[in-house]
Amino acid sequence: MQLTMLGVGSSAGTPMIGCQCATCASTDVRNHRTRCSSVVTLNNGKVLLIDTGPDLRQQALREGVTQVDAVLYTHTHADHLHGIDDLRAFCQKQRCQIPLYGSVDAMRHIADKFAYTLREPGDFWDLPILKVNAVSAPFVLFGQEIVPIPVKHGHSDIYGYRIGSMAYITDVSAISASAMALLQNLDILLLDCLRYAPHYTHINFEQSIALASQINAKATYLIHMTHDLEFSALSAQLPQYVYAGYDGLTLNF
C-alpha cells in the first residue's frame, strides 16, 4: 500500500498570512505546508482520503489525485473538514456516491452542517453525493481492515486510524493505554507535532518524541506542524527513525 502526505500543516498553514519568520519566508518547499491530510492507496487500487481540509483541491491537483473511493474523518474541526465540497469533483468523475467514515459525533456533525451533500445518486452531479457511516470498532473497507484509534484532542474524543502496518495520529493531546495497544508493531507512524511550546489540545515536540519512542514504529513522521518548526532545524534535532514530514512525501508500507 502507499500513503502520500497531502498536507502536514496546522490550521493556519505555512506560510502564515502576514508572517515573515524564517519558516514562512523559506524557499525550501518542505516548509510550505497545507492543512493536514493524507491519501492511502490500497493494494487493490482503491483510494482512501484521510480528512478533507480546506486545501483539498490544491492538494489533489498538486499530487495528481484523481480518485477518492472513501473518506476517513479524524474529527470535524474546520482544518480537517471544510474542503468537503471538493469531493464533488470525484463524485462527478466517478459517477458514484462516496462513503464517509468516522465517529458517531463526527458523522452527526457532518449531517447537521453539510446535509445538502448527503444524497443518493441521481441524474445530477452538481453537488457532492456522500453517505455518512458511523464506526466505533474495526471495520473492513474494500477488503482492508481499518482500525479506528480513539485519542483525546483536548476535551474532545477523536480518531486516529490504523491501516495495516501504518497508523495516522493527528491532533492528539493524550493516548490511553488501550489505544496504545492498537499501535504496536507499526512500520510507519504519522504523529502530531504542533510546535515546541506546550499546547492544551496537541502534543508538542518533546511529547511527540517521547510518544514516538514509546510506540516504537520502524519509522515515525511528524505532521500537523506550525511555522514554529522549520524543516532543516527540526530534522537536525530528531532521533533515529523519526523524520519531519512534508507535503508530497510518499511512503510504501
C-alpha atoms as a PDB file:
ATOM      1  CA  MET A   1       0.000   0.000   0.000  1.00  0.00           C
ATOM      2  CA  GLN A   2       1.049   3.602  -0.428  1.00  0.00           C
ATOM      3  CA  LEU A   3       0.475   6.800   1.547  1.00  0.00           C
ATOM      4  CA  THR A   4       1.008  10.334   0.302  1.00  0.00           C
ATOM      5  CA  MET A   5       1.063  13.247   2.712  1.00  0.00           C
ATOM      6  CA  LEU A   6      -1.198  15.803   1.078  1.00  0.00           C
ATOM      7  CA  GLY A   7      -0.593  18.312   3.868  1.00  0.00           C
ATOM      8  CA  VAL A   8       1.352  18.378   7.127  1.00  0.00           C
ATOM      9  CA  GLY A   9       0.435  21.887   8.260  1.00  0.00           C
ATOM     10  CA  SER A  10      -1.594  23.134  11.186  1.00  0.00           C
ATOM     11  CA  SER A  11      -4.866  25.056  10.955  1.00  0.00           C
ATOM     12  CA  ALA A  12      -3.171  28.251   9.730  1.00  0.00           C
ATOM     13  CA  GLY A  13      -0.933  26.552   7.166  1.00  0.00           C
ATOM     14  CA  THR A  14       2.635  27.658   6.418  1.00  0.00           C
ATOM     15  CA  PRO A  15       3.457  30.317   5.300  1.00  0.00           C
ATOM     16  CA  MET A  16       1.034  32.046   7.643  1.00  0.00           C
ATOM     17  CA  ILE A  17      -0.723  35.118   6.329  1.00  0.00           C
ATOM     18  CA  GLY A  18       1.254  38.224   7.276  1.00  0.00           C
ATOM     19  CA  CYS A  19       4.223  36.365   8.787  1.00  0.00           C
ATOM     20  CA  GLN A  20       7.840  36.842   7.730  1.00  0.00           C
ATOM     21  CA  CYS A  21       9.544  34.378  10.110  1.00  0.00           C
ATOM     22  CA  ALA A  22      12.318  32.121   8.808  1.00  0.00           C
ATOM     23  CA  THR A  23       9.919  29.237   8.136  1.00  0.00           C
ATOM     24  CA  CYS A  24       7.271  31.344   6.407  1.00  0.00           C
ATOM     25  CA  ALA A  25       9.877  33.139   4.286  1.00  0.00           C
ATOM     26  CA  SER A  26      11.756  29.927   3.442  1.00  0.00           C
ATOM     27  CA  THR A  27      12.300  28.882  -0.161  1.00  0.00           C
ATOM     28  CA  ASP A  28      12.543  25.228   0.909  1.00  0.00           C
ATOM     29  CA  VAL A  29       9.328  23.681  -0.371  1.00  0.00           C
ATOM     30  CA  ARG A  30       9.347  21.335   2.630  1.00  0.00           C
ATOM     31  CA  ASN A  31       8.404  24.370   4.720  1.00  0.00           C
ATOM     32  CA  HIS A  32       5.329  25.052   2.561  1.00  0.00           C
ATOM     33  CA  ARG A  33       2.619  23.200   4.480  1.00  0.00           C
ATOM     34  CA  THR A  34      -1.014  22.916   3.501  1.00  0.00           C
ATOM     35  CA  ARG A  35      -3.630  21.776   6.004  1.00  0.00           C
ATOM     36  CA  CYS A  36      -3.278  18.258   7.375  1.00  0.00           C
ATOM     37  CA  SER A  37      -4.483  15.361   5.219  1.00  0.00           C
ATOM     38  CA  SER A  38      -3.165  12.173   3.618  1.00  0.00           C
ATOM     39  CA  VAL A  39      -4.291   9.766   0.939  1.00  0.00           C
ATOM     40  CA  VAL A  40      -3.822   5.985   1.057  1.00  0.00           C
ATOM     41  CA  THR A  41      -3.897   3.728  -1.991  1.00  0.00           C
ATOM     42  CA  LEU A  42      -4.727   0.130  -1.145  1.00  0.00           C
ATOM     43  CA  ASN A  43      -3.223  -2.863  -2.922  1.00  0.00           C
ATOM     44  CA  ASN A  44      -6.414  -3.244  -4.954  1.00  0.00           C
ATOM     45  CA  GLY A  45      -6.208   0.345  -6.220  1.00  0.00           C
ATOM     46  CA  LYS A  46      -8.939   1.783  -4.010  1.00  0.00           C
ATOM     47  CA  VAL A  47      -8.120   5.230  -2.649  1.00  0.00           C
ATOM     48  CA  LEU A  48      -8.876   6.332   0.917  1.00  0.00           C
ATOM     49  CA  LEU A  49      -8.670  10.012   1.822  1.00  0.00           C
ATOM     50  CA  ILE A  50      -7.986  10.946   5.443  1.00  0.00           C
ATOM     51  CA  ASP A  51      -9.867  14.205   6.142  1.00  0.00           C
ATOM     52  CA  THR A  52     -10.971  16.908   3.711  1.00  0.00           C
ATOM     53  CA  GLY A  53      -9.137  20.073   4.677  1.00  0.00           C
ATOM     54  CA  PRO A  54      -9.735  23.438   3.000  1.00  0.00           C
ATOM     55  CA  ASP A  55      -6.715  22.881   0.714  1.00  0.00           C
ATOM     56  CA  LEU A  56      -8.069  19.644  -0.808  1.00  0.00           C
ATOM     57  CA  ARG A  57      -8.457  20.979  -4.350  1.00  0.00           C
ATOM     58  CA  GLN A  58      -4.919  22.384  -4.378  1.00  0.00           C
ATOM     59  CA  GLN A  59      -3.520  19.179  -2.869  1.00  0.00           C
ATOM     60  CA  ALA A  60      -5.296  16.912  -5.343  1.00  0.00           C
ATOM     61  CA  LEU A  61      -4.069  18.944  -8.309  1.00  0.00           C
ATOM     62  CA  ARG A  62      -0.513  19.050  -6.943  1.00  0.00           C
ATOM     63  CA  GLU A  63      -0.301  15.304  -6.289  1.00  0.00           C
ATOM     64  CA  GLY A  64      -2.382  14.105  -9.226  1.00  0.00           C
ATOM     65  CA  VAL A  65      -5.146  12.629  -7.086  1.00  0.00           C
ATOM     66  CA  THR A  66      -7.981  11.799  -9.496  1.00  0.00           C
ATOM     67  CA  GLN A  67      -9.823   9.143  -7.490  1.00  0.00           C
ATOM     68  CA  VAL A  68     -11.334   9.016  -3.990  1.00  0.00           C
ATOM     69  CA  ASP A  69     -13.314   5.923  -3.024  1.00  0.00           C
ATOM     70  CA  ALA A  70     -13.930   6.748   0.656  1.00  0.00           C
ATOM     71  CA  VAL A  71     -13.041   9.327   3.301  1.00  0.00           C
ATOM     72  CA  LEU A  72     -11.907   8.594   6.862  1.00  0.00           C
ATOM     73  CA  TYR A  73     -12.544  11.526   9.214  1.00  0.00           C
ATOM     74  CA  THR A  74     -10.414  12.023  12.303  1.00  0.00           C
ATOM     75  CA  HIS A  75     -12.651  14.848  13.563  1.00  0.00           C
ATOM     76  CA  THR A  76     -14.647  17.809  12.310  1.00  0.00           C
ATOM     77  CA  HIS A  77     -12.579  20.904  13.040  1.00  0.00           C
ATOM     78  CA  ALA A  78     -12.565  23.246  10.054  1.00  0.00           C
ATOM     79  CA  ASP A  79      -8.988  22.485   9.004  1.00  0.00           C
ATOM     80  CA  HIS A  80      -9.908  18.791   8.653  1.00  0.00           C
ATOM     81  CA  LEU A  81     -13.415  19.085   7.205  1.00  0.00           C
ATOM     82  CA  HIS A  82     -14.148  22.255   5.273  1.00  0.00           C
ATOM     83  CA  GLY A  83     -12.852  21.018   1.928  1.00  0.00           C
ATOM     84  CA  ILE A  84     -15.753  18.564   1.799  1.00  0.00           C
ATOM     85  CA  ASP A  85     -17.299  20.381  -1.186  1.00  0.00           C
ATOM     86  CA  ASP A  86     -14.254  19.473  -3.274  1.00  0.00           C
ATOM     87  CA  LEU A  87     -15.386  15.841  -3.137  1.00  0.00           C
ATOM     88  CA  ARG A  88     -17.927  16.901  -5.778  1.00  0.00           C
ATOM     89  CA  ALA A  89     -15.260  16.616  -8.485  1.00  0.00           C
ATOM     90  CA  PHE A  90     -14.575  12.980  -7.574  1.00  0.00           C
ATOM     91  CA  CYS A  91     -18.296  12.164  -7.444  1.00  0.00           C
ATOM     92  CA  GLN A  92     -18.722  13.728 -10.876  1.00  0.00           C
ATOM     93  CA  LYS A  93     -15.724  11.938 -12.378  1.00  0.00           C
ATOM     94  CA  GLN A  94     -16.514   8.554 -10.879  1.00  0.00           C
ATOM     95  CA  ARG A  95     -20.317   8.865 -11.153  1.00  0.00           C
ATOM     96  CA  CYS A  96     -20.750   7.329  -7.730  1.00  0.00           C
ATOM     97  CA  GLN A  97     -21.559   8.165  -4.134  1.00  0.00           C
ATOM     98  CA  ILE A  98     -18.553   8.487  -1.808  1.00  0.00           C
ATOM     99  CA  PRO A  99     -18.916   6.957   1.683  1.00  0.00           C
ATOM    100  CA  LEU A 100     -17.631   8.856   4.717  1.00  0.00           C
ATOM    101  CA  TYR A 101     -16.495   7.115   7.907  1.00  0.00           C
ATOM    102  CA  GLY A 102     -15.871   8.452  11.391  1.00  0.00           C
ATOM    103  CA  SER A 103     -17.189   8.583  14.928  1.00  0.00           C
ATOM    104  CA  VAL A 104     -20.866   8.962  15.740  1.00  0.00           C
ATOM    105  CA  ASP A 105     -20.266  12.593  16.737  1.00  0.00           C
ATOM    106  CA  ALA A 106     -18.285  13.347  13.579  1.00  0.00           C
ATOM    107  CA  MET A 107     -20.929  11.858  11.301  1.00  0.00           C
ATOM    108  CA  ARG A 108     -23.693  13.691  13.163  1.00  0.00           C
ATOM    109  CA  HIS A 109     -21.798  16.978  12.783  1.00  0.00           C
ATOM    110  CA  ILE A 110     -21.398  16.451   9.035  1.00  0.00           C
ATOM    111  CA  ALA A 111     -25.071  15.530   8.686  1.00  0.00           C
ATOM    112  CA  ASP A 112     -26.058  18.704  10.533  1.00  0.00           C
ATOM    113  CA  LYS A 113     -23.669  21.115   8.844  1.00  0.00           C
ATOM    114  CA  PHE A 114     -23.408  19.656   5.343  1.00  0.00           C
ATOM    115  CA  ALA A 115     -26.796  17.980   4.958  1.00  0.00           C
ATOM    116  CA  TYR A 116     -27.010  19.044   1.299  1.00  0.00           C
ATOM    117  CA  THR A 117     -24.133  16.670   0.451  1.00  0.00           C
ATOM    118  CA  LEU A 118     -25.890  13.566   1.790  1.00  0.00           C
ATOM    119  CA  ARG A 119     -27.800  12.382  -1.251  1.00  0.00           C
ATOM    120  CA  GLU A 120     -28.355   9.295  -3.312  1.00  0.00           C
ATOM    121  CA  PRO A 121     -27.018   9.265  -6.886  1.00  0.00           C
ATOM    122  CA  GLY A 122     -29.396  10.637  -9.496  1.00  0.00           C
ATOM    123  CA  ASP A 123     -29.347  12.496 -12.784  1.00  0.00           C
ATOM    124  CA  PHE A 124     -27.433  15.499 -11.488  1.00  0.00           C
ATOM    125  CA  TRP A 125     -23.918  15.758 -10.073  1.00  0.00           C
ATOM    126  CA  ASP A 126     -23.831  19.464  -9.268  1.00  0.00           C
ATOM    127  CA  LEU A 127     -23.309  18.768  -5.560  1.00  0.00           C
ATOM    128  CA  PRO A 128     -21.219  16.214  -3.663  1.00  0.00           C
ATOM    129  CA  ILE A 129     -23.071  12.916  -3.315  1.00  0.00           C
ATOM    130  CA  LEU A 130     -21.982  11.437   0.000  1.00  0.00           C
ATOM    131  CA  LYS A 131     -23.140   8.999   2.678  1.00  0.00           C
ATOM    132  CA  VAL A 132     -22.185   9.027   6.368  1.00  0.00           C
ATOM    133  CA  ASN A 133     -21.191   5.824   8.167  1.00  0.00           C
ATOM    134  CA  ALA A 134     -20.579   5.943  11.915  1.00  0.00           C
ATOM    135  CA  VAL A 135     -17.966   3.459  13.143  1.00  0.00           C
ATOM    136  CA  SER A 136     -16.842   2.605  16.652  1.00  0.00           C
ATOM    137  CA  ALA A 137     -14.820  -0.571  16.084  1.00  0.00           C
ATOM    138  CA  PRO A 138     -12.557  -2.067  13.412  1.00  0.00           C
ATOM    139  CA  PHE A 139     -14.328  -2.480  10.078  1.00  0.00           C
ATOM    140  CA  VAL A 140     -13.487  -3.789   6.626  1.00  0.00           C
ATOM    141  CA  LEU A 141     -13.444  -1.403   3.700  1.00  0.00           C
ATOM    142  CA  PHE A 142     -12.651  -2.633   0.172  1.00  0.00           C
ATOM    143  CA  GLY A 143     -11.192  -5.799   1.691  1.00  0.00           C
ATOM    144  CA  GLN A 144      -8.869  -3.935   4.083  1.00  0.00           C
ATOM    145  CA  GLU A 145      -9.344  -3.767   7.854  1.00  0.00           C
ATOM    146  CA  ILE A 146      -9.494  -0.202   9.157  1.00  0.00           C
ATOM    147  CA  VAL A 147      -8.938   0.248  12.893  1.00  0.00           C
ATOM    148  CA  PRO A 148     -10.179   3.496  14.498  1.00  0.00           C
ATOM    149  CA  ILE A 149      -7.810   4.624  17.271  1.00  0.00           C
ATOM    150  CA  PRO A 150      -9.661   6.653  19.962  1.00  0.00           C
ATOM    151  CA  VAL A 151      -7.490   9.539  21.223  1.00  0.00           C
ATOM    152  CA  LYS A 152      -8.016  12.802  23.093  1.00  0.00           C
ATOM    153  CA  HIS A 153      -7.813  16.202  21.402  1.00  0.00           C
ATOM    154  CA  GLY A 154      -8.097  18.486  24.414  1.00  0.00           C
ATOM    155  CA  HIS A 155     -11.562  17.728  25.775  1.00  0.00           C
ATOM    156  CA  SER A 156     -12.675  16.143  22.502  1.00  0.00           C
ATOM    157  CA  ASP A 157     -12.709  12.453  21.623  1.00  0.00           C
ATOM    158  CA  ILE A 158     -11.427  11.938  18.099  1.00  0.00           C
ATOM    159  CA  TYR A 159      -9.990   9.150  15.945  1.00  0.00           C
ATOM    160  CA  GLY A 160      -6.671   8.178  14.542  1.00  0.00           C
ATOM    161  CA  TYR A 161      -6.602   5.232  12.145  1.00  0.00           C
ATOM    162  CA  ARG A 162      -4.536   2.130  11.623  1.00  0.00           C
ATOM    163  CA  ILE A 163      -4.401   0.596   8.153  1.00  0.00           C
ATOM    164  CA  GLY A 164      -2.198  -2.475   8.029  1.00  0.00           C
ATOM    165  CA  SER A 165       1.223  -1.553   9.406  1.00  0.00           C
ATOM    166  CA  MET A 166       0.593   2.226   9.171  1.00  0.00           C
ATOM    167  CA  ALA A 167      -1.088   4.445  11.759  1.00  0.00           C
ATOM    168  CA  TYR A 168      -2.178   8.072  11.422  1.00  0.00           C
ATOM    169  CA  ILE A 169      -2.496  10.097  14.647  1.00  0.00           C
ATOM    170  CA  THR A 170      -3.167  13.821  14.263  1.00  0.00           C
ATOM    171  CA  ASP A 171      -4.455  16.485  16.677  1.00  0.00           C
ATOM    172  CA  VAL A 172      -3.735  14.446  19.789  1.00  0.00           C
ATOM    173  CA  SER A 173      -3.180  15.526  23.386  1.00  0.00           C
ATOM    174  CA  ALA A 174      -3.307  12.104  25.084  1.00  0.00           C
ATOM    175  CA  ILE A 175      -3.395   8.423  24.133  1.00  0.00           C
ATOM    176  CA  SER A 176      -4.860   5.863  26.529  1.00  0.00           C
ATOM    177  CA  ALA A 177      -3.248   2.527  27.324  1.00  0.00           C
ATOM    178  CA  SER A 178      -5.952   0.707  25.346  1.00  0.00           C
ATOM    179  CA  ALA A 179      -5.292   2.895  22.301  1.00  0.00           C
ATOM    180  CA  MET A 180      -1.537   2.414  22.682  1.00  0.00           C
ATOM    181  CA  ALA A 181      -2.134  -1.326  22.455  1.00  0.00           C
ATOM    182  CA  LEU A 182      -3.544  -0.782  18.958  1.00  0.00           C
ATOM    183  CA  LEU A 183      -0.333   0.956  17.871  1.00  0.00           C
ATOM    184  CA  GLN A 184       2.106  -1.919  18.311  1.00  0.00           C
ATOM    185  CA  ASN A 185       4.304  -3.393  15.554  1.00  0.00           C
ATOM    186  CA  LEU A 186       3.964  -0.482  13.144  1.00  0.00           C
ATOM    187  CA  ASP A 187       6.156   0.072  10.124  1.00  0.00           C
ATOM    188  CA  ILE A 188       5.021   3.697   9.752  1.00  0.00           C
ATOM    189  CA  LEU A 189       3.517   6.154  12.242  1.00  0.00           C
ATOM    190  CA  LEU A 190       2.337   9.636  11.304  1.00  0.00           C
ATOM    191  CA  LEU A 191       2.212  11.651  14.518  1.00  0.00           C
ATOM    192  CA  ASP A 192       1.033  15.108  15.581  1.00  0.00           C
ATOM    193  CA  CYS A 193       3.799  17.581  16.489  1.00  0.00           C
ATOM    194  CA  LEU A 194       2.321  21.050  16.723  1.00  0.00           C
ATOM    195  CA  ARG A 195       5.193  23.215  17.995  1.00  0.00           C
ATOM    196  CA  TYR A 196       7.928  23.456  20.657  1.00  0.00           C
ATOM    197  CA  ALA A 197       5.814  25.153  23.340  1.00  0.00           C
ATOM    198  CA  PRO A 198       3.137  23.153  25.191  1.00  0.00           C
ATOM    199  CA  HIS A 199      -0.436  23.313  23.933  1.00  0.00           C
ATOM    200  CA  TYR A 200      -3.567  22.110  25.680  1.00  0.00           C
ATOM    201  CA  THR A 201      -5.073  20.276  22.698  1.00  0.00           C
ATOM    202  CA  HIS A 202      -1.940  18.980  20.935  1.00  0.00           C
ATOM    203  CA  ILE A 203       1.272  17.259  21.915  1.00  0.00           C
ATOM    204  CA  ASN A 204       4.354  19.401  21.397  1.00  0.00           C
ATOM    205  CA  PHE A 205       7.810  18.473  20.107  1.00  0.00           C
ATOM    206  CA  GLU A 206       9.038  16.981  23.383  1.00  0.00           C
ATOM    207  CA  GLN A 207       5.870  14.944  23.851  1.00  0.00           C
ATOM    208  CA  SER A 208       5.888  13.764  20.234  1.00  0.00           C
ATOM    209  CA  ILE A 209       9.410  12.438  20.553  1.00  0.00           C
ATOM    210  CA  ALA A 210       8.514  10.679  23.800  1.00  0.00           C
ATOM    211  CA  LEU A 211       5.433   9.089  22.245  1.00  0.00           C
ATOM    212  CA  ALA A 212       7.366   8.041  19.153  1.00  0.00           C
ATOM    213  CA  SER A 213       9.829   6.269  21.440  1.00  0.00           C
ATOM    214  CA  GLN A 214       7.021   4.513  23.315  1.00  0.00           C
ATOM    215  CA  ILE A 215       5.197   3.366  20.197  1.00  0.00           C
ATOM    216  CA  ASN A 216       8.496   2.422  18.548  1.00  0.00           C
ATOM    217  CA  ALA A 217       7.369   2.213  14.948  1.00  0.00           C
ATOM    218  CA  LYS A 218      10.080   1.395  12.416  1.00  0.00           C
ATOM    219  CA  ALA A 219       9.699   4.975  11.155  1.00  0.00           C
ATOM    220  CA  THR A 220       7.775   7.925  12.613  1.00  0.00           C
ATOM    221  CA  TYR A 221       6.905  11.027  10.594  1.00  0.00           C
ATOM    222  CA  LEU A 222       5.854  14.262  12.296  1.00  0.00           C
ATOM    223  CA  ILE A 223       2.777  16.048  10.933  1.00  0.00           C
ATOM    224  CA  HIS A 224       0.358  18.907  11.762  1.00  0.00           C
ATOM    225  CA  MET A 225       3.204  21.382  12.327  1.00  0.00           C
ATOM    226  CA  THR A 226       3.060  25.147  12.760  1.00  0.00           C
ATOM    227  CA  HIS A 227       5.586  27.612  11.389  1.00  0.00           C
ATOM    228  CA  ASP A 228       7.493  27.327  14.688  1.00  0.00           C
ATOM    229  CA  LEU A 229       9.077  24.167  13.268  1.00  0.00           C
ATOM    230  CA  GLU A 230      11.475  24.912  10.415  1.00  0.00           C
ATOM    231  CA  PHE A 231      12.184  21.758   8.416  1.00  0.00           C
ATOM    232  CA  SER A 232      16.005  21.675   8.451  1.00  0.00           C
ATOM    233  CA  ALA A 233      16.362  22.861  12.049  1.00  0.00           C
ATOM    234  CA  LEU A 234      13.735  20.374  13.191  1.00  0.00           C
ATOM    235  CA  SER A 235      15.295  17.500  11.251  1.00  0.00           C
ATOM    236  CA  ALA A 236      18.654  18.151  12.907  1.00  0.00           C
ATOM    237  CA  GLN A 237      17.083  17.579  16.344  1.00  0.00           C
ATOM    238  CA  LEU A 238      15.301  14.331  15.605  1.00  0.00           C
ATOM    239  CA  PRO A 239      16.387  10.953  16.974  1.00  0.00           C
ATOM    240  CA  GLN A 240      16.985   7.941  14.776  1.00  0.00           C
ATOM    241  CA  TYR A 241      13.930   6.711  12.865  1.00  0.00           C
ATOM    242  CA  VAL A 242      11.967   9.920  13.458  1.00  0.00           C
ATOM    243  CA  TYR A 243      11.544  12.274  10.493  1.00  0.00           C
ATOM    244  CA  ALA A 244       9.857  15.553   9.661  1.00  0.00           C
ATOM    245  CA  GLY A 245       7.007  15.012   7.235  1.00  0.00           C
ATOM    246  CA  TYR A 246       6.396  17.339   4.320  1.00  0.00           C
ATOM    247  CA  ASP A 247       3.709  17.907   1.703  1.00  0.00           C
ATOM    248  CA  GLY A 248       4.003  15.398  -1.120  1.00  0.00           C
ATOM    249  CA  LEU A 249       6.097  12.819   0.726  1.00  0.00           C
ATOM    250  CA  THR A 250       5.089   9.316  -0.407  1.00  0.00           C
ATOM    251  CA  LEU A 251       5.679   6.181   1.660  1.00  0.00           C
ATOM    252  CA  ASN A 252       5.117   2.488   0.961  1.00  0.00           C
ATOM    253  CA  PHE A 253       4.007   0.119   3.698  1.00  0.00           C
END
